[in-house]
Every structure is written in C-alpha cells, then in structure tokens.
C-alpha cells in the first residue's frame, strides 16, 4: 500500500473517531444535564468519561486541522513576502511547530509512564494511562504532519500577495 493511501486511510479513521466521540460526548453531556435537572441524579462515571472524551476529541481535532492545513497560524507578515521568502517562512514556522509537538510528545510519554506504574484509573476500571495515551500519539503524529506540511504547498494562498489590486490604501 502506498504511503499516500495509507495516510488517507488514517485520516478517514481519525475523522470517524472524531465524529463518533463528539456525538457520544454531546449525548452523554445532554443525558447528564437531564438527569441532574429533572431527576436529581446522574451517572457517577459520566463526568470522568466526558473529560476523557474532551481530551480525545481535542487531540483528534488538532490532528485533523494539521492534516488539512487548517490549524491556527499567524501569517500576516507572510502575506507581504515574495514567494521564495514565503516558502522559507513556511518551513521555519511549521518546523518550529513540529519541534514543539515533538517535545510535547516526548514529555507526555513521561506522564503516561507515571500513570502506568501507579496503576490509577480514570473511571470505572479504565486505566489513566490508556486515556492519556492519546497525548504522545497525537503530538507525535502532529509533529510528523507539520514536517510534511512544511515541504508541501500550502492549502491556501495568501490573498494580498496574489491580488495587489485589492489592497486597501
């Protein structure tokens, strides 16, 4: 299987997981609200599970944003650069983002190791390290995607550089 097809397959899996987790998160949070407000009860395991789902959906959403080149970026100055300077700025900024994600992946491995040795549970009998495992995996994949994005053409082209007639005086 070609790497491009493998990456597309991984992207589809991420998108499906993200959609399922968000739907489950909304349904469970809604159920908790109804149970608390109308029946003075709730599910004791729901709040820790909701926190875990927020963590997972946040990381999967960030992965999707980097994959599709829709992550938050400050590119105001880049809009005024020449095309060659834009490419250099893109490599530098996305390279820096890749380094930060790689550092986060490295240090989150330590967090997972701590919870693995402690044997703590997040909720029910689900171990904490399993929930936190998305951190090194997600940040590691984001670092890889930032590197790949740094050397590929941007998904969007800065408007001001390519349409000088639309500049505001």
C-alpha atoms as a PDB file:
ATOM      1  CA  UNK A   1       0.000   0.000   0.000  1.00  0.00           C
ATOM      2  CA  UNK A   2       1.348   3.433  -0.983  1.00  0.00           C
ATOM      3  CA  UNK A   3       2.119   5.890   1.821  1.00  0.00           C
ATOM      4  CA  UNK A   4      -0.352   8.444   0.439  1.00  0.00           C
ATOM      5  CA  UNK A   5      -3.207   5.913   0.532  1.00  0.00           C
ATOM      6  CA  UNK A   6      -2.157   4.802   3.996  1.00  0.00           C
ATOM      7  CA  UNK A   7      -2.242   8.426   5.206  1.00  0.00           C
ATOM      8  CA  UNK A   8      -5.658   8.950   3.598  1.00  0.00           C
ATOM      9  CA  UNK A   9      -6.941   5.839   5.360  1.00  0.00           C
ATOM     10  CA  UNK A  10      -5.553   7.086   8.655  1.00  0.00           C
ATOM     11  CA  UNK A  11      -7.277  10.423   8.065  1.00  0.00           C
ATOM     12  CA  UNK A  12     -10.616   8.718   7.479  1.00  0.00           C
ATOM     13  CA  UNK A  13     -10.247   6.685  10.664  1.00  0.00           C
ATOM     14  CA  UNK A  14      -9.443   9.884  12.587  1.00  0.00           C
ATOM     15  CA  UNK A  15     -12.475  11.647  11.098  1.00  0.00           C
ATOM     16  CA  UNK A  16     -14.812   8.774  12.003  1.00  0.00           C
ATOM     17  CA  UNK A  17     -13.437   8.526  15.537  1.00  0.00           C
ATOM     18  CA  UNK A  18     -13.778  12.281  15.948  1.00  0.00           C
ATOM     19  CA  UNK A  19     -17.390  12.251  14.747  1.00  0.00           C
ATOM     20  CA  UNK A  20     -18.328   9.290  16.960  1.00  0.00           C
ATOM     21  CA  UNK A  21     -16.625  10.774  20.031  1.00  0.00           C
ATOM     22  CA  UNK A  22     -18.246  14.199  19.555  1.00  0.00           C
ATOM     23  CA  UNK A  23     -21.699  12.655  19.102  1.00  0.00           C
ATOM     24  CA  UNK A  24     -21.227  10.483  22.179  1.00  0.00           C
ATOM     25  CA  UNK A  25     -19.877  13.460  24.151  1.00  0.00           C
ATOM     26  CA  UNK A  26     -22.905  15.603  23.284  1.00  0.00           C
ATOM     27  CA  UNK A  27     -25.366  12.777  24.007  1.00  0.00           C
ATOM     28  CA  UNK A  28     -23.762  11.884  27.338  1.00  0.00           C
ATOM     29  CA  UNK A  29     -23.475  15.519  28.446  1.00  0.00           C
ATOM     30  CA  UNK A  30     -27.116  16.070  27.489  1.00  0.00           C
ATOM     31  CA  UNK A  31     -28.170  12.984  29.417  1.00  0.00           C
ATOM     32  CA  UNK A  32     -26.265  14.200  32.465  1.00  0.00           C
ATOM     33  CA  UNK A  33     -27.993  17.583  32.289  1.00  0.00           C
ATOM     34  CA  UNK A  34     -31.432  15.990  32.020  1.00  0.00           C
ATOM     35  CA  UNK A  35     -30.726  13.501  34.808  1.00  0.00           C
ATOM     36  CA  UNK A  36     -29.428  16.206  37.159  1.00  0.00           C
ATOM     37  CA  UNK A  37     -32.049  18.860  36.466  1.00  0.00           C
ATOM     38  CA  UNK A  38     -35.165  16.712  36.248  1.00  0.00           C
ATOM     39  CA  UNK A  39     -34.402  13.598  38.280  1.00  0.00           C
ATOM     40  CA  UNK A  40     -31.830  14.814  40.858  1.00  0.00           C
ATOM     41  CA  UNK A  41     -29.444  12.042  39.878  1.00  0.00           C
ATOM     42  CA  UNK A  42     -26.677  11.381  37.405  1.00  0.00           C
ATOM     43  CA  UNK A  43     -24.195   8.826  36.188  1.00  0.00           C
ATOM     44  CA  UNK A  44     -21.189   8.718  38.504  1.00  0.00           C
ATOM     45  CA  UNK A  45     -18.824   7.604  35.740  1.00  0.00           C
ATOM     46  CA  UNK A  46     -20.041  10.157  33.174  1.00  0.00           C
ATOM     47  CA  UNK A  47     -18.025  13.211  34.244  1.00  0.00           C
ATOM     48  CA  UNK A  48     -14.611  11.488  34.109  1.00  0.00           C
ATOM     49  CA  UNK A  49     -15.598   9.923  30.781  1.00  0.00           C
ATOM     50  CA  UNK A  50     -16.638  13.340  29.457  1.00  0.00           C
ATOM     51  CA  UNK A  51     -13.231  14.754  30.452  1.00  0.00           C
ATOM     52  CA  UNK A  52     -11.545  11.887  28.610  1.00  0.00           C
ATOM     53  CA  UNK A  53     -13.712  12.476  25.545  1.00  0.00           C
ATOM     54  CA  UNK A  54     -12.858  16.176  25.549  1.00  0.00           C
ATOM     55  CA  UNK A  55      -9.150  15.275  25.621  1.00  0.00           C
ATOM     56  CA  UNK A  56      -9.508  12.761  22.788  1.00  0.00           C
ATOM     57  CA  UNK A  57     -11.700  14.979  20.606  1.00  0.00           C
ATOM     58  CA  UNK A  58      -9.351  17.901  21.151  1.00  0.00           C
ATOM     59  CA  UNK A  59      -6.334  15.886  20.050  1.00  0.00           C
ATOM     60  CA  UNK A  60      -8.147  14.299  17.101  1.00  0.00           C
ATOM     61  CA  UNK A  61      -9.436  17.720  16.055  1.00  0.00           C
ATOM     62  CA  UNK A  62      -5.932  19.175  16.231  1.00  0.00           C
ATOM     63  CA  UNK A  63      -4.641  16.262  14.133  1.00  0.00           C
ATOM     64  CA  UNK A  64      -7.323  16.895  11.522  1.00  0.00           C
ATOM     65  CA  UNK A  65      -6.528  20.620  11.470  1.00  0.00           C
ATOM     66  CA  UNK A  66      -2.830  19.988  10.870  1.00  0.00           C
ATOM     67  CA  UNK A  67      -3.606  17.320   8.268  1.00  0.00           C
ATOM     68  CA  UNK A  68      -5.835  19.700   6.302  1.00  0.00           C
ATOM     69  CA  UNK A  69      -3.585  22.757   6.849  1.00  0.00           C
ATOM     70  CA  UNK A  70      -6.369  24.482   8.791  1.00  0.00           C
ATOM     71  CA  UNK A  71      -4.535  24.953  12.071  1.00  0.00           C
ATOM     72  CA  UNK A  72      -4.254  28.342  13.730  1.00  0.00           C
ATOM     73  CA  UNK A  73      -1.471  30.335  12.109  1.00  0.00           C
ATOM     74  CA  UNK A  74      -0.284  33.911  12.258  1.00  0.00           C
ATOM     75  CA  UNK A  75       0.553  34.700   8.665  1.00  0.00           C
ATOM     76  CA  UNK A  76       0.060  38.460   8.500  1.00  0.00           C
ATOM     77  CA  UNK A  77       3.689  39.213   7.646  1.00  0.00           C
ATOM     78  CA  UNK A  78       3.933  36.221   5.330  1.00  0.00           C
ATOM     79  CA  UNK A  79       1.298  37.778   3.066  1.00  0.00           C
ATOM     80  CA  UNK A  80       3.720  40.557   2.134  1.00  0.00           C
ATOM     81  CA  UNK A  81       6.718  38.324   1.397  1.00  0.00           C
ATOM     82  CA  UNK A  82       7.942  37.252  -2.012  1.00  0.00           C
ATOM     83  CA  UNK A  83       7.077  33.647  -2.969  1.00  0.00           C
ATOM     84  CA  UNK A  84      10.563  32.300  -2.147  1.00  0.00           C
ATOM     85  CA  UNK A  85      10.550  34.068   1.227  1.00  0.00           C
ATOM     86  CA  UNK A  86       7.055  32.672   1.875  1.00  0.00           C
ATOM     87  CA  UNK A  87       8.356  29.122   1.363  1.00  0.00           C
ATOM     88  CA  UNK A  88      11.267  29.749   3.729  1.00  0.00           C
ATOM     89  CA  UNK A  89       8.959  31.302   6.343  1.00  0.00           C
ATOM     90  CA  UNK A  90       6.593  28.331   5.989  1.00  0.00           C
ATOM     91  CA  UNK A  91       9.393  25.809   6.529  1.00  0.00           C
ATOM     92  CA  UNK A  92      10.662  27.731   9.561  1.00  0.00           C
ATOM     93  CA  UNK A  93       7.293  28.240  11.241  1.00  0.00           C
ATOM     94  CA  UNK A  94       5.977  24.744  10.600  1.00  0.00           C
ATOM     95  CA  UNK A  95       9.372  23.312  11.555  1.00  0.00           C
ATOM     96  CA  UNK A  96       9.140  25.164  14.867  1.00  0.00           C
ATOM     97  CA  UNK A  97       5.600  23.830  15.375  1.00  0.00           C
ATOM     98  CA  UNK A  98       6.904  20.321  14.641  1.00  0.00           C
ATOM     99  CA  UNK A  99       9.643  20.745  17.252  1.00  0.00           C
ATOM    100  CA  UNK A 100       7.136  21.919  19.876  1.00  0.00           C
ATOM    101  CA  UNK A 101       4.821  18.982  19.131  1.00  0.00           C
ATOM    102  CA  UNK A 102       7.747  16.563  19.276  1.00  0.00           C
ATOM    103  CA  UNK A 103       8.722  18.000  22.685  1.00  0.00           C
ATOM    104  CA  UNK A 104       5.140  17.648  23.903  1.00  0.00           C
ATOM    105  CA  UNK A 105       5.076  14.040  22.670  1.00  0.00           C
ATOM    106  CA  UNK A 106       8.369  13.324  24.449  1.00  0.00           C
ATOM    107  CA  UNK A 107       7.252  14.762  27.775  1.00  0.00           C
ATOM    108  CA  UNK A 108       3.760  13.286  27.617  1.00  0.00           C
ATOM    109  CA  UNK A 109       5.363   9.840  27.406  1.00  0.00           C
ATOM    110  CA  UNK A 110       6.657  10.505  30.936  1.00  0.00           C
ATOM    111  CA  UNK A 111       3.134  11.356  32.079  1.00  0.00           C
ATOM    112  CA  UNK A 112       1.826   8.101  30.637  1.00  0.00           C
ATOM    113  CA  UNK A 113       4.687   6.159  32.282  1.00  0.00           C
ATOM    114  CA  UNK A 114       3.875   7.676  35.688  1.00  0.00           C
ATOM    115  CA  UNK A 115       0.237   6.591  35.448  1.00  0.00           C
ATOM    116  CA  UNK A 116       1.217   3.208  34.056  1.00  0.00           C
ATOM    117  CA  UNK A 117       3.375   2.468  37.089  1.00  0.00           C
ATOM    118  CA  UNK A 118       0.895   3.947  39.572  1.00  0.00           C
ATOM    119  CA  UNK A 119      -1.978   1.800  38.339  1.00  0.00           C
ATOM    120  CA  UNK A 120      -4.509   4.623  38.725  1.00  0.00           C
ATOM    121  CA  UNK A 121      -7.872   4.510  36.981  1.00  0.00           C
ATOM    122  CA  UNK A 122      -9.544   7.360  35.110  1.00  0.00           C
ATOM    123  CA  UNK A 123     -13.080   5.985  35.564  1.00  0.00           C
ATOM    124  CA  UNK A 124     -14.642   2.584  36.130  1.00  0.00           C
ATOM    125  CA  UNK A 125     -11.720   0.214  35.582  1.00  0.00           C
ATOM    126  CA  UNK A 126     -10.217   2.123  32.649  1.00  0.00           C
ATOM    127  CA  UNK A 127      -6.572   2.905  33.444  1.00  0.00           C
ATOM    128  CA  UNK A 128      -5.470   6.544  33.305  1.00  0.00           C
ATOM    129  CA  UNK A 129      -2.513   5.752  31.063  1.00  0.00           C
ATOM    130  CA  UNK A 130      -4.885   4.458  28.392  1.00  0.00           C
ATOM    131  CA  UNK A 131      -6.801   7.737  28.328  1.00  0.00           C
ATOM    132  CA  UNK A 132      -3.597   9.800  28.346  1.00  0.00           C
ATOM    133  CA  UNK A 133      -2.075   7.668  25.592  1.00  0.00           C
ATOM    134  CA  UNK A 134      -3.621  10.000  23.028  1.00  0.00           C
ATOM    135  CA  UNK A 135      -1.169  12.723  24.090  1.00  0.00           C
ATOM    136  CA  UNK A 136       2.131  11.203  22.904  1.00  0.00           C
ATOM    137  CA  UNK A 137       0.431   9.579  19.907  1.00  0.00           C
ATOM    138  CA  UNK A 138      -1.387  12.770  18.899  1.00  0.00           C
ATOM    139  CA  UNK A 139       1.541  15.125  19.414  1.00  0.00           C
ATOM    140  CA  UNK A 140       3.876  12.697  17.638  1.00  0.00           C
ATOM    141  CA  UNK A 141       1.573  12.497  14.630  1.00  0.00           C
ATOM    142  CA  UNK A 142       1.150  16.278  14.638  1.00  0.00           C
ATOM    143  CA  UNK A 143       4.927  16.723  14.620  1.00  0.00           C
ATOM    144  CA  UNK A 144       5.187  14.399  11.625  1.00  0.00           C
ATOM    145  CA  UNK A 145       2.359  16.192   9.823  1.00  0.00           C
ATOM    146  CA  UNK A 146       3.888  19.609  10.462  1.00  0.00           C
ATOM    147  CA  UNK A 147       7.133  18.400   8.896  1.00  0.00           C
ATOM    148  CA  UNK A 148       5.260  17.023   5.873  1.00  0.00           C
ATOM    149  CA  UNK A 149       3.218  20.233   5.583  1.00  0.00           C
ATOM    150  CA  UNK A 150       6.354  22.387   5.777  1.00  0.00           C
ATOM    151  CA  UNK A 151       7.620  20.962   2.497  1.00  0.00           C
ATOM    152  CA  UNK A 152       4.315  20.777   0.650  1.00  0.00           C
ATOM    153  CA  UNK A 153       2.422  23.648  -0.956  1.00  0.00           C
ATOM    154  CA  UNK A 154       0.010  25.480   1.338  1.00  0.00           C
ATOM    155  CA  UNK A 155      -3.666  24.591   1.140  1.00  0.00           C
ATOM    156  CA  UNK A 156      -4.489  28.297   0.939  1.00  0.00           C
ATOM    157  CA  UNK A 157      -2.644  31.084  -0.851  1.00  0.00           C
ATOM    158  CA  UNK A 158      -2.182  34.438   0.888  1.00  0.00           C
ATOM    159  CA  UNK A 159      -4.650  36.820  -0.736  1.00  0.00           C
ATOM    160  CA  UNK A 160      -2.733  40.109  -0.610  1.00  0.00           C
ATOM    161  CA  UNK A 161       0.362  38.878  -2.442  1.00  0.00           C
ATOM    162  CA  UNK A 162      -1.539  37.464  -5.398  1.00  0.00           C
ATOM    163  CA  UNK A 163      -4.185  40.169  -5.666  1.00  0.00           C
ATOM    164  CA  UNK A 164      -2.385  43.510  -5.279  1.00  0.00           C
ATOM    165  CA  UNK A 165      -5.350  45.387  -6.802  1.00  0.00           C
ATOM    166  CA  UNK A 166      -7.379  44.529  -3.664  1.00  0.00           C
ATOM    167  CA  UNK A 167      -5.026  46.263  -1.214  1.00  0.00           C
ATOM    168  CA  UNK A 168      -6.663  48.870   0.977  1.00  0.00           C
ATOM    169  CA  UNK A 169      -4.779  52.227   0.957  1.00  0.00           C
END
